[in-house]
Protein backbone atom coordinates (compact mmCIF):
# COMPACT_ATOMS: atom_id res chain seq x y z
CA MET A 1 0.00 0.00 0.00
CA LEU A 2 1.82 3.08 -1.32
CA CYS A 3 0.92 6.75 -1.47
CA ALA A 4 0.02 7.85 -5.00
CA ILE A 5 1.88 11.14 -4.46
CA SER A 6 5.15 10.18 -2.67
CA GLY A 7 5.37 6.55 -3.71
CA GLU A 8 6.16 5.62 -0.11
CA VAL A 9 4.29 3.73 2.59
CA PRO A 10 2.00 6.33 4.21
CA GLU A 11 2.01 6.93 7.93
CA VAL A 12 -1.67 7.99 7.93
CA PRO A 13 -3.23 6.46 4.80
CA VAL A 14 -6.49 7.78 3.34
CA VAL A 15 -8.45 6.62 0.29
CA SER A 16 -10.44 8.69 -2.16
CA THR A 17 -14.08 7.59 -2.41
CA LYS A 18 -14.22 8.97 -5.95
CA THR A 19 -11.06 7.56 -7.49
CA GLY A 20 -10.01 4.80 -5.09
CA HIS A 21 -6.41 6.01 -4.90
CA ILE A 22 -4.49 5.88 -1.60
CA PHE A 23 -2.63 8.93 -0.31
CA GLU A 24 -0.61 10.16 2.67
CA LYS A 25 -3.15 12.26 4.52
CA ARG A 26 -0.95 15.32 5.09
CA LEU A 27 0.16 15.38 1.44
CA ILE A 28 -3.31 15.04 -0.11
CA LEU A 29 -4.77 17.66 2.25
CA LYS A 30 -2.09 20.17 1.14
CA TYR A 31 -2.73 19.31 -2.53
CA ILE A 32 -6.52 19.67 -2.17
CA ALA A 33 -6.06 23.02 -0.36
CA GLU A 34 -3.98 24.32 -3.27
CA ASN A 35 -5.72 22.69 -6.27
CA GLY A 36 -9.07 21.13 -5.19
CA THR A 37 -8.56 18.13 -7.53
CA CYS A 38 -7.22 14.62 -7.44
CA PRO A 39 -3.50 14.57 -8.22
CA VAL A 40 -3.87 11.38 -10.25
CA THR A 41 -7.08 11.77 -12.28
CA GLY A 42 -7.60 15.50 -12.07
CA ALA A 43 -11.21 15.07 -10.94
CA GLU A 44 -12.64 17.40 -8.35
CA LEU A 45 -11.82 16.24 -4.85
CA ALA A 46 -12.65 17.61 -1.41
CA GLU A 47 -11.53 16.74 2.08
CA GLY A 48 -14.91 15.10 2.72
CA ASP A 49 -14.21 12.63 -0.09
CA LEU A 50 -11.34 11.08 1.87
CA VAL A 51 -11.69 8.13 4.19
CA GLU A 52 -8.94 7.27 6.65
CA ILE A 53 -7.83 3.63 6.46
CA GLN A 54 -7.69 1.87 9.79
CA GLN A 55 -4.40 -0.01 10.45
CA GLY A 56 -2.83 -1.85 13.32
CA ASN A 57 -0.36 -0.40 15.83
CA PRO A 58 2.69 0.67 13.76
CA THR A 59 6.12 -0.04 15.28
CA GLY A 60 7.69 2.98 13.62
CA ARG A 61 7.91 4.99 10.47
CA PRO A 62 8.50 2.69 7.51
CA LYS A 63 11.79 2.98 5.73
CA ILE A 64 11.99 4.47 2.33
CA PRO A 65 12.47 1.64 -0.14
CA SER A 66 15.43 3.39 -1.74
CA MET A 67 17.27 3.53 1.65
CA THR A 68 17.39 -0.20 2.23
CA SER A 69 20.76 -0.79 0.50
CA ILE A 70 24.30 0.60 0.84
CA PRO A 71 24.47 1.85 -2.77
CA ALA A 72 21.19 3.69 -2.19
CA LEU A 73 22.57 5.26 1.02
CA LEU A 74 25.77 6.34 -0.77
CA SER A 75 23.72 7.85 -3.57
CA THR A 76 21.62 9.76 -1.03
CA PHE A 77 24.72 11.03 0.79
CA GLN A 78 26.22 12.07 -2.55
CA ASP A 79 23.08 14.06 -3.37
CA GLU A 80 23.16 15.73 0.02
CA TRP A 81 26.88 16.53 -0.37
CA ASP A 82 26.23 18.05 -3.79
CA ALA A 83 23.44 20.15 -2.32
CA VAL A 84 25.74 21.37 0.48
CA MET A 85 28.47 22.26 -2.04
CA LEU A 86 26.01 24.15 -4.20
CA GLU A 87 24.79 26.09 -1.17
CA THR A 88 28.40 26.86 -0.14
CA PHE A 89 29.18 28.04 -3.66
CA LYS A 90 26.20 30.39 -3.60
CA LEU A 91 27.26 31.75 -0.18
CA LYS A 92 30.79 32.40 -1.50
CA GLN A 93 29.36 34.25 -4.47
CA GLN A 94 27.26 36.39 -2.16
CA TYR A 95 30.31 36.98 0.07
CA GLN A 96 32.43 38.16 -2.88
CA GLN A 97 29.65 40.47 -4.01
CA VAL A 98 29.34 41.99 -0.54
CA ARG A 99 33.14 42.47 -0.41
CA GLN A 100 33.10 44.29 -3.74
CA GLU A 101 30.26 46.51 -2.63
CA LEU A 102 32.05 47.30 0.64
CA ALA A 103 35.32 48.06 -1.16
CA GLN A 104 33.50 50.38 -3.52
CA ALA A 105 31.84 52.16 -0.59
CA LEU A 106 35.19 52.55 1.21
CA TYR A 107 36.83 53.90 -1.94
CA GLN A 108 34.03 56.43 -2.39
CA ASN A 109 34.39 57.46 1.26
CA ASP A 110 38.16 57.91 0.91
CA ALA A 111 37.70 59.92 -2.29
CA SER A 112 35.15 62.11 -0.54
CA CYS A 113 37.55 62.73 2.35
CA ARG A 114 40.31 63.73 -0.08
CA VAL A 115 37.99 66.09 -1.91
CA ILE A 116 36.86 67.65 1.38
CA ALA A 117 40.49 68.07 2.52
CA ARG A 118 41.41 69.69 -0.80
CA LEU A 119 38.44 72.04 -0.60
CA ILE A 120 39.35 73.02 2.96
CA LYS A 121 42.94 73.69 1.87
CA GLU A 122 41.73 75.78 -1.08
CA ARG A 123 39.37 77.66 1.23
CA ASP A 124 42.22 78.45 3.66
CA ALA A 125 44.45 79.50 0.77
CA ALA A 126 41.71 81.78 -0.53
CA ARG A 127 41.30 83.33 2.92
CA ASP A 128 45.05 83.90 3.15
CA ALA A 129 45.08 85.43 -0.34
CA LEU A 130 42.22 87.73 0.64
CA THR A 131 44.09 88.73 3.79
CA ASN A 132 47.22 89.47 1.75
CA ILE A 133 45.27 91.53 -0.77
CA GLN A 134 43.57 93.51 1.97
CA SER A 135 46.89 94.09 3.73
CA GLN A 136 48.42 95.49 0.50
CA MET A 137 45.57 97.89 -0.22
CA PRO A 138 46.23 101.63 0.18
CA GLY A 139 46.65 102.36 3.85
CA GLY A 140 47.47 98.69 4.48
CA PRO A 141 50.36 97.34 6.54
CA VAL A 142 54.00 97.83 5.65
CA PRO A 143 56.79 95.57 6.90
CA HIS A 144 58.12 98.23 9.23
CA GLY A 145 57.38 101.66 10.49
CA GLY A 146 53.83 102.35 9.23
CA ASP A 147 50.34 101.92 10.62
CA ALA A 148 48.53 98.68 9.75
CA MET A 149 44.99 98.16 8.52
CA GLN A 150 42.84 95.76 10.55
CA VAL A 151 42.44 92.50 8.67
CA GLU A 152 41.06 90.16 11.29
CA SER A 153 40.12 90.88 14.86
CA GLU A 154 41.04 88.44 17.58
CA ALA A 155 39.35 87.70 20.87
CA PRO A 156 41.23 88.00 24.16
CA PRO A 157 43.21 84.84 24.92
CA ALA A 158 41.50 82.11 26.88
CA ASP A 159 44.60 81.42 28.92
CA ALA A 160 45.61 85.02 29.56
CA ALA A 161 45.31 86.24 33.14
CA PRO A 162 46.44 89.40 34.95
CA ALA A 163 50.14 89.30 35.74
CA GLN A 164 51.16 88.79 39.34
CA ALA A 165 54.39 90.62 40.16
CA GLN A 166 56.19 90.79 43.45
CA SER A 167 56.39 94.58 43.27
CA THR A 168 52.98 95.53 41.85
CA ASP A 169 49.50 94.18 41.18
CA ALA A 170 48.59 96.88 38.64
CA THR A 171 47.24 96.08 35.19
CA GLU A 172 48.01 99.09 33.03
CA GLY A 173 46.29 98.39 29.73
CA PHE A 174 47.28 99.38 26.21
CA THR A 175 47.42 103.19 26.37
CA ASP A 176 48.29 105.92 23.90
CA GLU A 177 51.66 106.14 25.62
CA ILE A 178 52.44 102.55 24.62
CA ARG A 179 51.34 103.20 21.04
CA LYS A 180 53.61 106.24 20.94
CA ILE A 181 56.56 104.18 22.18
CA ILE A 182 55.99 101.62 19.42
CA LYS A 183 55.50 104.25 16.72
CA ASP A 184 58.47 106.41 17.71
CA THR A 185 60.79 103.40 18.02
CA ALA A 186 59.77 102.08 14.61
CA GLY A 187 60.21 105.47 12.97
CA THR A 188 63.66 105.98 14.43
CA LEU A 189 64.91 102.49 13.58
CA CYS A 190 63.46 102.54 10.09
CA LYS A 191 65.24 105.79 9.22
CA GLY A 192 68.51 104.58 10.70
CA ARG A 193 68.32 101.28 8.85
CA LYS A 194 67.97 102.94 5.46
CA LYS A 195 71.21 104.85 6.01
CA ARG A 196 73.17 101.95 7.50
CA LYS A 197 75.68 100.10 5.36
CA VAL A 198 77.42 96.80 5.88
CA PRO A 199 80.56 97.61 7.93
CA ALA A 200 83.86 97.14 6.17
CA GLU A 201 85.17 95.26 9.23
CA LEU A 202 82.47 92.55 8.94
CA THR A 203 83.94 89.06 8.90
CA SER A 204 84.19 87.95 5.29
CA ALA A 205 82.62 84.81 3.88
CA ALA A 206 86.10 83.38 3.31
CA ASP A 207 86.93 83.87 6.99
CA ILE A 208 83.59 82.37 8.07
CA ALA A 209 84.45 79.27 6.06
CA GLN A 210 87.62 78.86 8.16
CA PHE A 211 85.84 79.05 11.54
CA LEU A 212 86.89 76.41 14.07
CA ASN A 213 85.80 75.43 17.55
CA VAL A 214 88.10 77.72 19.51
CA ALA A 215 86.65 77.05 22.98
CA THR A 216 84.33 74.58 24.69
CA VAL A 217 82.72 75.04 28.09
CA PRO A 218 81.64 71.61 29.37
CA SER A 219 79.43 70.61 32.29
CA MET A 220 77.00 73.50 32.09
CA HIS A 221 73.96 73.08 34.35
CA SER A 222 73.11 69.93 36.30
CA SER A 223 73.88 66.38 35.23
CA THR A 224 70.75 65.10 36.99
CA LYS A 225 68.56 66.68 34.31
CA PRO A 226 71.18 67.36 31.65
CA GLY A 227 70.91 69.80 28.80
CA VAL A 228 71.17 73.48 27.88
CA THR A 229 67.86 74.45 26.27
CA CYS A 230 68.45 78.08 25.23
CA LEU A 231 70.96 80.94 25.28
CA ALA A 232 71.24 84.69 24.84
CA VAL A 233 74.25 87.03 24.60
CA ASP A 234 74.05 90.44 26.27
CA ARG A 235 74.56 93.67 24.33
CA SER A 236 78.15 94.02 25.54
CA GLY A 237 79.10 90.62 24.12
CA GLU A 238 80.72 89.65 27.42
CA LEU A 239 77.99 87.58 29.08
CA VAL A 240 76.16 84.47 27.89
CA LEU A 241 72.85 83.63 29.54
CA THR A 242 71.70 80.00 29.39
CA GLY A 243 68.60 78.09 30.49
CA GLY A 244 68.54 74.39 31.26
CA GLU A 245 66.51 71.26 31.77
CA ASP A 246 67.45 71.57 35.46
CA ALA A 247 65.14 74.62 35.91
CA VAL A 248 67.96 77.11 36.48
CA ALA A 249 69.55 79.88 34.42
CA GLN A 250 73.27 80.62 34.42
CA VAL A 251 75.29 83.73 33.57
CA TYR A 252 78.68 82.90 32.01
CA HIS A 253 81.43 85.51 31.57
CA ILE A 254 83.26 84.85 28.30
CA ASP A 255 86.56 86.62 29.10
CA GLN A 256 86.76 85.35 32.69
CA GLY A 257 85.77 81.85 31.62
CA GLN A 258 83.52 81.24 34.63
CA ILE A 259 79.90 81.14 35.72
CA LEU A 260 79.07 84.39 37.53
CA ALA A 261 75.57 83.60 38.75
CA VAL A 262 73.06 80.76 39.00
CA LEU A 263 69.41 81.87 38.93
CA LYS A 264 67.10 79.49 40.79
CA GLY A 265 63.35 79.84 41.09
CA HIS A 266 61.62 78.02 38.25
CA ASN A 267 59.92 74.70 38.96
CA GLY A 268 60.51 73.13 35.55
CA ARG A 269 62.56 73.27 32.37
CA ILE A 270 63.45 76.76 31.17
CA ASN A 271 62.26 77.16 27.59
CA ASP A 272 63.65 80.60 26.78
CA VAL A 273 65.93 83.28 28.24
CA THR A 274 66.82 86.76 27.06
CA TRP A 275 68.48 89.99 28.16
CA LEU A 276 66.05 92.85 28.49
CA GLY A 277 68.69 95.50 27.93
CA GLN A 278 69.43 98.45 30.14
CA THR A 279 66.32 100.38 31.12
CA GLU A 280 65.63 103.51 33.12
CA ALA A 281 64.71 101.36 36.11
CA ALA A 282 67.94 99.35 36.06
CA SER A 283 71.57 100.37 35.88
CA GLN A 284 72.54 96.88 34.74
CA ASP A 285 71.07 94.50 32.20
CA VAL A 286 67.88 92.80 33.31
CA ILE A 287 67.27 89.08 32.67
CA LEU A 288 64.04 87.42 31.57
CA SER A 289 63.39 83.68 31.82
CA ALA A 290 60.35 81.53 31.01
CA GLY A 291 59.60 77.88 31.57
CA THR A 292 57.23 74.98 31.84
CA ASP A 293 56.00 76.23 35.24
CA LYS A 294 53.84 78.78 33.30
CA THR A 295 55.75 81.77 34.68
CA VAL A 296 58.02 84.52 33.41
CA ARG A 297 60.65 85.70 35.88
CA VAL A 298 62.42 89.07 35.80
CA TRP A 299 65.89 89.08 37.39
CA HIS A 300 67.84 92.13 38.52
CA ALA A 301 71.39 92.41 39.81
CA THR A 302 71.38 92.87 43.60
CA ASP A 303 73.79 95.82 43.31
CA ALA A 304 76.02 97.44 40.72
CA GLU A 305 79.12 95.50 41.76
CA SER A 306 77.53 92.14 42.51
CA PRO A 307 77.27 89.35 39.96
CA GLU A 308 74.26 87.94 41.84
CA TYR A 309 70.72 88.37 40.56
CA ALA A 310 67.41 88.44 42.44
CA CYS A 311 63.96 87.73 41.03
CA ILE A 312 62.03 91.01 41.24
CA HIS A 313 58.91 89.92 39.31
CA THR A 314 57.21 86.56 38.91
CA ILE A 315 54.67 87.00 36.13
CA GLN A 316 51.81 84.51 35.90
CA ALA A 317 50.09 85.62 32.70
CA HIS A 318 49.45 82.20 31.14
CA HIS A 319 47.74 78.93 32.03
CA SER A 320 50.18 76.79 30.02
CA GLU A 321 53.96 76.61 29.70
CA VAL A 322 55.66 79.73 28.35
CA VAL A 323 57.66 78.78 25.25
CA ALA A 324 59.10 82.09 24.02
CA LEU A 325 60.24 85.55 25.08
CA THR A 326 61.01 88.43 22.75
CA VAL A 327 62.01 91.98 23.68
CA HIS A 328 60.72 95.06 21.87
CA PRO A 329 63.49 97.23 20.35
CA SER A 330 62.53 100.05 22.72
CA ARG A 331 63.61 97.81 25.64
CA GLU A 332 60.52 99.08 27.47
CA LEU A 333 58.23 96.23 26.40
CA PHE A 334 58.45 92.48 25.92
CA VAL A 335 56.16 89.65 24.82
CA SER A 336 55.71 86.19 26.32
CA ALA A 337 54.07 83.41 24.26
CA SER A 338 52.49 80.23 25.62
CA ARG A 339 51.99 76.71 24.34
CA GLN A 340 48.21 77.25 24.23
CA GLY A 341 48.58 79.85 21.49
CA SER A 342 48.39 83.14 23.40
CA TRP A 343 50.84 86.02 23.66
CA VAL A 344 50.91 88.81 26.22
CA LEU A 345 52.62 92.20 25.89
CA HIS A 346 54.24 93.39 29.15
CA ARG A 347 55.80 96.62 30.39
CA ALA A 348 59.41 95.87 31.20
CA SER A 349 59.68 98.02 34.31
CA SER A 350 56.69 96.55 36.15
CA GLY A 351 55.95 93.27 34.39
CA ALA A 352 52.32 94.36 34.10
CA PRO A 353 50.35 93.07 31.08
CA LEU A 354 49.36 95.68 28.51
CA ALA A 355 47.64 93.56 25.85
CA ALA A 356 46.84 89.90 25.26
CA MET A 357 45.92 87.92 22.16
CA GLN A 358 44.71 84.36 21.47
CA ALA A 359 45.68 82.91 18.09
CA GLY A 360 42.63 80.65 17.89
CA GLU A 361 41.23 77.41 19.25
CA GLY A 362 43.67 74.53 18.98
CA VAL A 363 46.62 76.73 17.95
CA ALA A 364 49.87 75.95 19.80
CA PHE A 365 52.95 78.20 19.76
CA ASN A 366 56.56 76.99 19.65
CA CYS A 367 58.37 80.31 19.20
CA ALA A 368 57.81 84.05 18.74
CA GLN A 369 59.90 86.97 17.51
CA PHE A 370 59.61 90.76 17.24
CA HIS A 371 60.40 92.44 13.94
CA PRO A 372 63.54 94.63 14.28
CA ASP A 373 61.35 97.75 14.07
CA GLY A 374 58.99 96.46 16.75
CA VAL A 375 55.72 97.03 14.87
CA ILE A 376 54.90 93.40 14.05
CA LEU A 377 55.18 90.13 15.95
CA ALA A 378 55.53 86.68 14.35
CA ALA A 379 54.87 83.31 15.99
CA GLY A 380 55.57 79.75 14.89
CA THR A 381 52.84 77.17 15.45
CA GLN A 382 52.55 73.40 15.76
CA ALA A 383 50.36 73.44 12.64
CA GLY A 384 53.23 74.78 10.49
CA THR A 385 51.85 78.30 10.03
CA ILE A 386 53.31 81.69 10.99
CA PRO A 387 50.69 84.26 12.04
CA ILE A 388 51.89 87.89 12.04
CA TRP A 389 50.24 90.61 14.15
CA ASN A 390 50.38 94.38 14.27
CA ILE A 391 51.26 95.15 17.89
CA LYS A 392 49.81 98.67 17.91
CA ASP A 393 46.20 97.53 17.42
CA GLN A 394 46.57 93.77 18.00
CA THR A 395 45.28 92.77 14.55
CA LEU A 396 46.31 89.80 12.46
CA LEU A 397 48.07 91.07 9.33
CA ALA A 398 48.87 87.80 7.56
CA THR A 399 49.46 84.08 8.03
CA LEU A 400 52.43 82.54 6.24
CA ALA A 401 51.92 78.87 5.34
CA GLY A 402 54.29 76.42 3.72
CA HIS A 403 55.86 74.14 6.31
CA GLN A 404 54.67 70.54 6.39
CA GLY A 405 55.46 70.22 10.09
CA ALA A 406 55.60 72.33 13.23
CA VAL A 407 57.56 75.60 13.05
CA THR A 408 60.43 75.29 15.55
CA ALA A 409 62.35 78.59 15.21
CA LEU A 410 62.06 82.10 13.76
CA ALA A 411 64.56 84.87 13.01
CA PHE A 412 64.10 88.29 11.40
CA SER A 413 66.86 89.73 9.28
CA GLU A 414 68.17 93.00 10.69
CA ASN A 415 67.34 94.82 7.45
CA GLY A 416 63.67 94.13 8.19
CA TYR A 417 62.85 92.54 4.84
CA TYR A 418 63.31 88.83 5.52
CA LEU A 419 62.00 86.27 8.00
CA ALA A 420 63.61 82.84 8.35
CA SER A 421 61.56 79.95 9.70
CA ALA A 422 62.67 76.42 10.52
CA GLY A 423 60.34 73.44 10.80
CA GLU A 424 60.03 69.77 11.56
CA ASP A 425 59.90 69.15 7.80
CA TYR A 426 63.70 69.70 7.87
CA ALA A 427 63.39 72.88 5.82
CA VAL A 428 64.26 76.53 6.41
CA TYR A 429 62.01 78.98 4.56
CA ILE A 430 63.18 82.51 3.77
CA TRP A 431 60.13 84.78 3.54
CA ASP A 432 60.17 88.15 1.79
CA LEU A 433 57.94 90.32 3.97
CA ARG A 434 57.43 92.88 1.24
CA SER A 435 55.57 90.37 -0.95
CA GLN A 436 54.70 87.88 1.82
CA SER A 437 56.13 85.07 -0.32
CA GLN A 438 58.90 82.51 -0.14
CA ALA A 439 62.19 83.89 -1.40
CA HIS A 440 64.18 80.69 -0.86
CA VAL A 441 64.01 77.25 0.75
CA LEU A 442 66.95 75.48 2.42
CA THR A 443 66.44 71.71 2.60
CA LEU A 444 68.34 69.98 5.40
CA ASP A 445 69.33 66.36 6.06
CA ASN A 446 66.46 64.45 7.68
CA GLU A 447 68.26 61.17 8.38
CA SER A 448 69.24 62.24 11.89
CA GLY A 449 65.66 62.63 13.11
CA THR A 450 66.50 66.01 14.68
CA ALA A 451 64.76 69.03 13.16
CA PRO A 452 66.45 72.47 13.26
CA GLN A 453 65.98 74.06 16.69
CA ALA A 454 67.45 77.57 16.38
CA LEU A 455 68.09 80.28 13.79
CA THR A 456 69.98 83.57 13.87
CA PHE A 457 71.08 86.29 11.44
CA ASP A 458 74.19 88.31 12.11
CA HIS A 459 73.69 92.02 12.86
CA SER A 460 74.31 93.05 9.25
CA GLY A 461 71.98 90.42 7.80
CA SER A 462 74.77 88.92 5.72
CA TYR A 463 74.82 85.44 7.29
CA LEU A 464 72.18 82.99 8.50
CA VAL A 465 73.03 80.24 11.00
CA VAL A 466 70.86 77.11 11.28
CA ALA A 467 71.30 74.84 14.31
CA GLY A 468 69.89 71.41 15.05
CA VAL A 469 71.69 68.13 14.66
CA ASP A 470 74.67 70.30 13.61
CA ILE A 471 75.45 73.97 12.88
CA ARG A 472 75.40 75.36 9.35
CA ILE A 473 76.30 78.91 8.26
CA PHE A 474 74.84 80.25 4.99
CA GLN A 475 75.62 83.41 3.10
CA VAL A 476 72.43 85.40 2.54
CA LYS A 477 71.11 86.02 -1.01
CA GLY A 478 73.34 83.45 -2.69
CA TRP A 479 72.54 80.98 0.12
CA THR A 480 75.90 79.31 -0.21
CA GLU A 481 76.81 76.99 2.65
CA LEU A 482 80.01 78.38 4.18
CA ALA A 483 80.67 76.10 7.14
CA VAL A 484 79.33 73.04 8.95
CA PHE A 485 80.13 72.10 12.59
CA ASP A 486 79.12 68.69 13.90
CA ASP A 487 81.29 68.33 17.01
CA ASN A 488 78.28 68.44 19.34
CA ALA A 489 77.11 65.24 21.06
CA GLY A 490 73.49 66.38 21.36
CA PRO A 491 71.07 68.61 19.45
CA VAL A 492 72.08 72.28 19.30
CA THR A 493 69.38 74.34 21.02
CA GLY A 494 70.71 77.92 20.81
CA ILE A 495 72.93 79.92 18.50
CA GLN A 496 74.00 83.59 18.37
CA PHE A 497 76.83 85.81 17.14
CA VAL A 498 78.69 87.35 20.08
CA ASP A 499 79.54 90.64 18.38
CA PRO A 500 78.03 92.81 15.59
CA LEU A 501 80.92 92.03 13.22
CA ALA A 502 80.23 88.25 13.29
CA ARG A 503 83.70 87.40 14.56
CA THR A 504 82.57 84.81 17.11
CA LEU A 505 79.63 82.41 17.20
CA VAL A 506 78.40 80.74 20.40
CA ALA A 507 76.15 77.65 20.55
CA SER A 508 74.44 75.70 23.32
CA SER A 509 73.58 72.02 23.22
CA LEU A 510 71.72 69.34 25.11
CA ASP A 511 75.13 67.77 25.77
CA ARG A 512 75.58 70.48 28.50
CA THR A 513 78.20 72.48 26.63
CA LEU A 514 78.80 75.94 25.24
CA ARG A 515 80.92 76.04 22.10
CA PHE A 516 82.60 79.09 20.59
CA TYR A 517 83.48 79.22 16.87
CA ALA A 518 85.84 81.79 15.36
CA MET A 519 88.91 82.22 13.20
CA PRO A 520 91.85 80.31 14.69
CA SER A 521 94.29 82.66 16.39
């Protein structure tokens, strides 16, 4: 007794009263529900036309006749295997299709990101071009001496706070007196610069090429936290001021060959030091130092005959480490710049803040430098740009862009026309301030992994010195490399000519040494 549909022994057999055929009940009910006819004869058939056949107690589901032999079992397994392989093949096809679709989506996303980045870069370039055009309009800014047109206003810095000095708590503000100091100083220096000629006694390029290490001062600062991080030579050319990783500053007398004073007070690495120059309030040169403890300290000799210095002002004008100090040519003002992208203009005599500026959210400063005329201030940023401000009205004049890494050092040429910038892209850019464009690019060796850390022009603007993994002296305009010194055991962090005639060059290094280079005697 076999089912007319499946050809197998039915579990619940039923018989059609119309046709007499036997079916598996569940199969015929499904067929009738879909078609309403007999699957064998095609005659109309309803569920009421079926009669269930009574059978004895079954011991189990009957075996399929085709599964009663080994060859039949192998054939069944083969069919099942083939079905599994076909299903796997289809899944692999779907997988490859999904991978292709995902790859296409990722490519489109990457292309979109590149387009967006290019558009942002073009937008920034257009803004810079607009700023440059506005700054060159009639009545616009000039590199030195003149008044500057406002190009972009800046909000007060987020990390600027009133200075706290040991001698005064006054906050003076930017008054007409300060503007007059800046204007008068710029006018005087600009006129004098036009008449000044390169001195005949200036060290020649041939003599520069013969410079040697004529003296080395080892073991500067502490060996516990080794390294000289910065230096400055006073106006007399007799004293070298250094700052170190050990949080102290030292005054070294060149002719006497000894350290005259050790200035202690900072609570972290000193990032920059400078001589303020003689002022009305001081008979001797005043020292400025700034460090990672977020303070600027003003040091004054205890008396005219004493080589000791005392801290007379501790200025807390920033909420992040102070990375740069630069003194205005009038010697009555100075600027401190912080890592968080703010600079503050101070009065030298009191340390009181006169003006403050924030470069923008996310901007970080590495260095800052006054123009020789004192009208504009430039800063080097982590983003590789160089914003330039007019100090008189605290407006942004221009932003120089070109470096592919952070700007690590700046130096203005004494003639007022050129600005040199060094960056982590192992390049030194020479910017012509008159056209706000690149006049030249010096590409340095990048195999050492040490980017240039310091730059300086000589007083006449005839030579540029680049310091980093080594020291290189270039002749300006032709940009010929005159000399290379690589006798340092650590990165060179500071460099400066000792005298206006470029007869001696002094350098500081993280190997705790001062080195002097000059013509051999």
